[in-house]
Amino acid sequence: MISVHILTPTGRETVTVTRRGNGEWETVVTDASGVDYIVTAEVEGYVSDPISYTLHLEGMKVYLVNNGEITDKEAINLDFHFEPK
């Protein structure tokens, strides 16, 4: 079971998506809780790489944040890989 968590920078969870198996998933993120979010993914017994992604909403687009700087790269595909602990 994979759980994807979308959190505000203060750690408040806004969305959790849970599903079985690999593959693509899609969710909607709005600016109702702000414009910046942290996305994490977890599977029991595994560690994810990367640990998280930071996103910035701007209008109808979502951009990746790297080292606190908003990039011009849209957050279309967030790719988490899992390795046993």
N, C-alpha and C. Protein backbone atom coordinates (compact mmCIF):
# COMPACT_ATOMS: atom_id res chain seq x y z
N MET A 1 0.85 -1.17 0.00
CA MET A 1 0.00 0.00 0.00
C MET A 1 0.89 1.24 0.00
N ILE A 2 0.68 2.13 -0.94
CA ILE A 2 1.43 3.37 -1.05
C ILE A 2 0.55 4.51 -0.53
N SER A 3 1.12 5.34 0.33
CA SER A 3 0.43 6.53 0.81
C SER A 3 1.22 7.76 0.39
N VAL A 4 0.54 8.67 -0.28
CA VAL A 4 1.14 9.93 -0.69
C VAL A 4 0.48 11.01 0.15
N HIS A 5 1.33 11.82 0.81
CA HIS A 5 0.84 12.88 1.70
C HIS A 5 1.19 14.23 1.12
N ILE A 6 0.23 15.14 1.13
CA ILE A 6 0.46 16.51 0.69
C ILE A 6 0.27 17.39 1.91
N LEU A 7 1.37 18.08 2.28
CA LEU A 7 1.41 18.86 3.52
C LEU A 7 1.70 20.32 3.24
N THR A 8 1.25 21.17 4.14
CA THR A 8 1.66 22.57 4.09
C THR A 8 3.08 22.66 4.67
N PRO A 9 3.80 23.75 4.43
CA PRO A 9 5.14 23.88 5.00
C PRO A 9 5.17 23.80 6.53
N THR A 10 4.05 24.07 7.19
CA THR A 10 3.99 23.96 8.65
C THR A 10 3.70 22.54 9.12
N GLY A 11 3.50 21.61 8.16
CA GLY A 11 3.29 20.21 8.51
C GLY A 11 1.84 19.77 8.58
N ARG A 12 0.90 20.67 8.28
CA ARG A 12 -0.51 20.29 8.28
C ARG A 12 -0.82 19.49 7.02
N GLU A 13 -1.38 18.30 7.21
CA GLU A 13 -1.72 17.44 6.08
C GLU A 13 -3.00 17.93 5.43
N THR A 14 -2.95 18.13 4.11
CA THR A 14 -4.12 18.61 3.39
C THR A 14 -4.79 17.51 2.58
N VAL A 15 -3.98 16.55 2.07
CA VAL A 15 -4.51 15.45 1.27
C VAL A 15 -3.67 14.21 1.52
N THR A 16 -4.32 13.05 1.59
CA THR A 16 -3.63 11.77 1.60
C THR A 16 -4.26 10.90 0.52
N VAL A 17 -3.43 10.35 -0.35
CA VAL A 17 -3.88 9.44 -1.40
C VAL A 17 -3.28 8.09 -1.09
N THR A 18 -4.11 7.05 -0.98
CA THR A 18 -3.63 5.70 -0.68
C THR A 18 -4.09 4.77 -1.80
N ARG A 19 -3.15 3.94 -2.24
CA ARG A 19 -3.48 2.99 -3.31
C ARG A 19 -2.53 1.81 -3.26
N ARG A 20 -2.85 0.79 -4.01
CA ARG A 20 -2.00 -0.40 -4.12
C ARG A 20 -1.26 -0.37 -5.45
N GLY A 21 -0.02 -0.90 -5.43
CA GLY A 21 0.73 -1.11 -6.66
C GLY A 21 1.43 0.11 -7.21
N ASN A 22 2.17 -0.15 -8.28
CA ASN A 22 2.92 0.89 -8.98
C ASN A 22 2.02 1.61 -9.96
N GLY A 23 2.60 2.60 -10.60
CA GLY A 23 1.89 3.25 -11.68
C GLY A 23 1.61 4.70 -11.39
N GLU A 24 0.91 5.29 -12.30
CA GLU A 24 0.61 6.71 -12.21
C GLU A 24 -0.62 6.95 -11.35
N TRP A 25 -0.62 8.09 -10.68
CA TRP A 25 -1.79 8.53 -9.94
C TRP A 25 -1.91 10.02 -10.16
N GLU A 26 -3.08 10.52 -9.91
CA GLU A 26 -3.33 11.92 -10.15
C GLU A 26 -4.18 12.46 -9.01
N THR A 27 -3.87 13.68 -8.59
CA THR A 27 -4.69 14.33 -7.57
C THR A 27 -4.74 15.82 -7.86
N VAL A 28 -5.71 16.48 -7.28
CA VAL A 28 -5.89 17.91 -7.46
C VAL A 28 -5.40 18.62 -6.21
N VAL A 29 -4.58 19.65 -6.42
CA VAL A 29 -4.10 20.48 -5.33
C VAL A 29 -4.56 21.91 -5.61
N THR A 30 -5.18 22.53 -4.61
CA THR A 30 -5.64 23.91 -4.79
C THR A 30 -4.90 24.82 -3.81
N ASP A 31 -5.10 26.10 -3.97
CA ASP A 31 -4.45 27.05 -3.07
C ASP A 31 -5.27 27.33 -1.81
N ALA A 32 -6.20 26.44 -1.49
CA ALA A 32 -7.05 26.62 -0.31
C ALA A 32 -6.24 26.67 0.99
N SER A 33 -5.11 25.96 1.02
CA SER A 33 -4.27 25.94 2.23
C SER A 33 -2.94 26.67 1.99
N GLY A 34 -2.86 27.47 0.95
CA GLY A 34 -1.63 28.20 0.64
C GLY A 34 -1.16 27.87 -0.76
N VAL A 35 0.05 28.34 -1.09
CA VAL A 35 0.56 28.12 -2.45
C VAL A 35 1.78 27.21 -2.45
N ASP A 36 2.28 26.83 -1.29
CA ASP A 36 3.43 25.94 -1.21
C ASP A 36 3.04 24.66 -0.49
N TYR A 37 3.53 23.53 -1.01
CA TYR A 37 3.20 22.23 -0.44
C TYR A 37 4.42 21.31 -0.47
N ILE A 38 4.42 20.34 0.43
CA ILE A 38 5.44 19.30 0.47
C ILE A 38 4.73 17.98 0.21
N VAL A 39 5.27 17.20 -0.72
CA VAL A 39 4.67 15.91 -1.08
C VAL A 39 5.63 14.81 -0.66
N THR A 40 5.13 13.86 0.13
CA THR A 40 5.92 12.70 0.54
C THR A 40 5.17 11.44 0.15
N ALA A 41 5.91 10.33 0.06
CA ALA A 41 5.30 9.04 -0.25
C ALA A 41 5.89 8.00 0.69
N GLU A 42 5.06 7.07 1.12
CA GLU A 42 5.56 6.04 2.03
C GLU A 42 4.95 4.69 1.74
N VAL A 43 5.79 3.67 1.95
CA VAL A 43 5.38 2.28 1.86
C VAL A 43 6.03 1.60 3.06
N GLU A 44 5.23 0.86 3.82
CA GLU A 44 5.76 0.21 5.02
C GLU A 44 6.94 -0.69 4.68
N GLY A 45 8.04 -0.52 5.42
CA GLY A 45 9.23 -1.33 5.22
C GLY A 45 10.19 -0.80 4.17
N TYR A 46 9.86 0.33 3.57
CA TYR A 46 10.68 0.91 2.50
C TYR A 46 10.98 2.38 2.81
N VAL A 47 12.02 2.88 2.17
CA VAL A 47 12.35 4.30 2.26
C VAL A 47 12.26 4.87 0.85
N SER A 48 11.74 6.10 0.73
CA SER A 48 11.56 6.69 -0.60
C SER A 48 12.75 7.55 -0.99
N ASP A 49 12.97 7.61 -2.29
CA ASP A 49 14.00 8.49 -2.84
C ASP A 49 13.37 9.19 -4.03
N PRO A 50 13.22 10.48 -3.97
CA PRO A 50 13.60 11.37 -2.90
C PRO A 50 12.64 11.24 -1.71
N ILE A 51 13.01 11.85 -0.60
CA ILE A 51 12.16 11.81 0.59
C ILE A 51 10.91 12.65 0.36
N SER A 52 11.06 13.77 -0.36
CA SER A 52 9.92 14.64 -0.61
C SER A 52 10.18 15.54 -1.81
N TYR A 53 9.11 16.15 -2.26
CA TYR A 53 9.16 17.21 -3.27
C TYR A 53 8.49 18.43 -2.66
N THR A 54 8.99 19.61 -2.95
CA THR A 54 8.34 20.84 -2.54
C THR A 54 7.78 21.49 -3.80
N LEU A 55 6.51 21.91 -3.71
CA LEU A 55 5.80 22.45 -4.85
C LEU A 55 5.32 23.87 -4.57
N HIS A 56 5.18 24.64 -5.63
CA HIS A 56 4.66 26.00 -5.55
C HIS A 56 3.56 26.16 -6.59
N LEU A 57 2.37 26.56 -6.15
CA LEU A 57 1.25 26.78 -7.05
C LEU A 57 1.29 28.21 -7.57
N GLU A 58 1.09 28.36 -8.87
CA GLU A 58 1.05 29.68 -9.48
C GLU A 58 -0.02 29.64 -10.56
N GLY A 59 -1.18 30.18 -10.24
CA GLY A 59 -2.31 30.10 -11.17
C GLY A 59 -2.73 28.65 -11.34
N MET A 60 -2.78 28.19 -12.58
CA MET A 60 -3.18 26.81 -12.87
C MET A 60 -1.98 25.88 -13.02
N LYS A 61 -0.78 26.35 -12.69
CA LYS A 61 0.41 25.53 -12.83
C LYS A 61 1.05 25.29 -11.47
N VAL A 62 1.79 24.17 -11.40
CA VAL A 62 2.51 23.81 -10.18
C VAL A 62 3.97 23.63 -10.55
N TYR A 63 4.85 24.30 -9.81
CA TYR A 63 6.28 24.26 -10.11
C TYR A 63 7.05 23.59 -8.98
N LEU A 64 8.16 22.94 -9.33
CA LEU A 64 9.05 22.35 -8.33
C LEU A 64 9.85 23.46 -7.67
N VAL A 65 10.11 23.27 -6.38
CA VAL A 65 10.96 24.18 -5.62
C VAL A 65 12.23 23.41 -5.30
N ASN A 66 13.39 24.04 -5.54
CA ASN A 66 14.68 23.40 -5.29
C ASN A 66 15.52 24.34 -4.41
N ASN A 67 15.91 23.85 -3.23
CA ASN A 67 16.70 24.65 -2.29
C ASN A 67 16.05 26.00 -1.99
N GLY A 68 14.73 25.99 -1.84
CA GLY A 68 14.00 27.20 -1.49
C GLY A 68 13.71 28.13 -2.65
N GLU A 69 14.17 27.79 -3.86
CA GLU A 69 13.95 28.62 -5.04
C GLU A 69 12.92 27.96 -5.96
N ILE A 70 11.95 28.74 -6.41
CA ILE A 70 10.96 28.23 -7.35
C ILE A 70 11.64 28.07 -8.70
N THR A 71 11.53 26.87 -9.28
CA THR A 71 12.15 26.61 -10.58
C THR A 71 11.13 26.86 -11.69
N ASP A 72 11.58 26.76 -12.93
CA ASP A 72 10.65 26.87 -14.05
C ASP A 72 10.15 25.50 -14.51
N LYS A 73 10.50 24.45 -13.74
CA LYS A 73 10.10 23.09 -14.08
C LYS A 73 8.73 22.78 -13.47
N GLU A 74 7.77 22.48 -14.35
CA GLU A 74 6.43 22.13 -13.86
C GLU A 74 6.44 20.77 -13.17
N ALA A 75 5.67 20.66 -12.12
CA ALA A 75 5.57 19.41 -11.35
C ALA A 75 4.53 18.51 -11.99
N ILE A 76 4.85 18.01 -13.16
CA ILE A 76 3.92 17.15 -13.89
C ILE A 76 4.08 15.70 -13.45
N ASN A 77 5.32 15.26 -13.26
CA ASN A 77 5.60 13.88 -12.84
C ASN A 77 6.50 13.90 -11.61
N LEU A 78 5.98 13.46 -10.49
CA LEU A 78 6.79 13.29 -9.29
C LEU A 78 7.12 11.81 -9.22
N ASP A 79 8.37 11.49 -9.24
CA ASP A 79 8.80 10.09 -9.35
C ASP A 79 9.49 9.65 -8.06
N PHE A 80 8.78 8.88 -7.25
CA PHE A 80 9.35 8.32 -6.02
C PHE A 80 9.82 6.89 -6.30
N HIS A 81 11.00 6.57 -5.83
CA HIS A 81 11.52 5.20 -5.91
C HIS A 81 11.62 4.67 -4.49
N PHE A 82 11.41 3.37 -4.30
CA PHE A 82 11.43 2.78 -2.97
C PHE A 82 12.47 1.68 -2.88
N GLU A 83 13.23 1.72 -1.78
CA GLU A 83 14.24 0.70 -1.49
C GLU A 83 13.92 0.12 -0.11
N PRO A 84 14.15 -1.18 0.10
CA PRO A 84 13.91 -1.76 1.43
C PRO A 84 14.77 -1.04 2.48
N LYS A 85 14.21 -0.91 3.68
CA LYS A 85 14.96 -0.26 4.79
C LYS A 85 16.14 -1.09 5.19
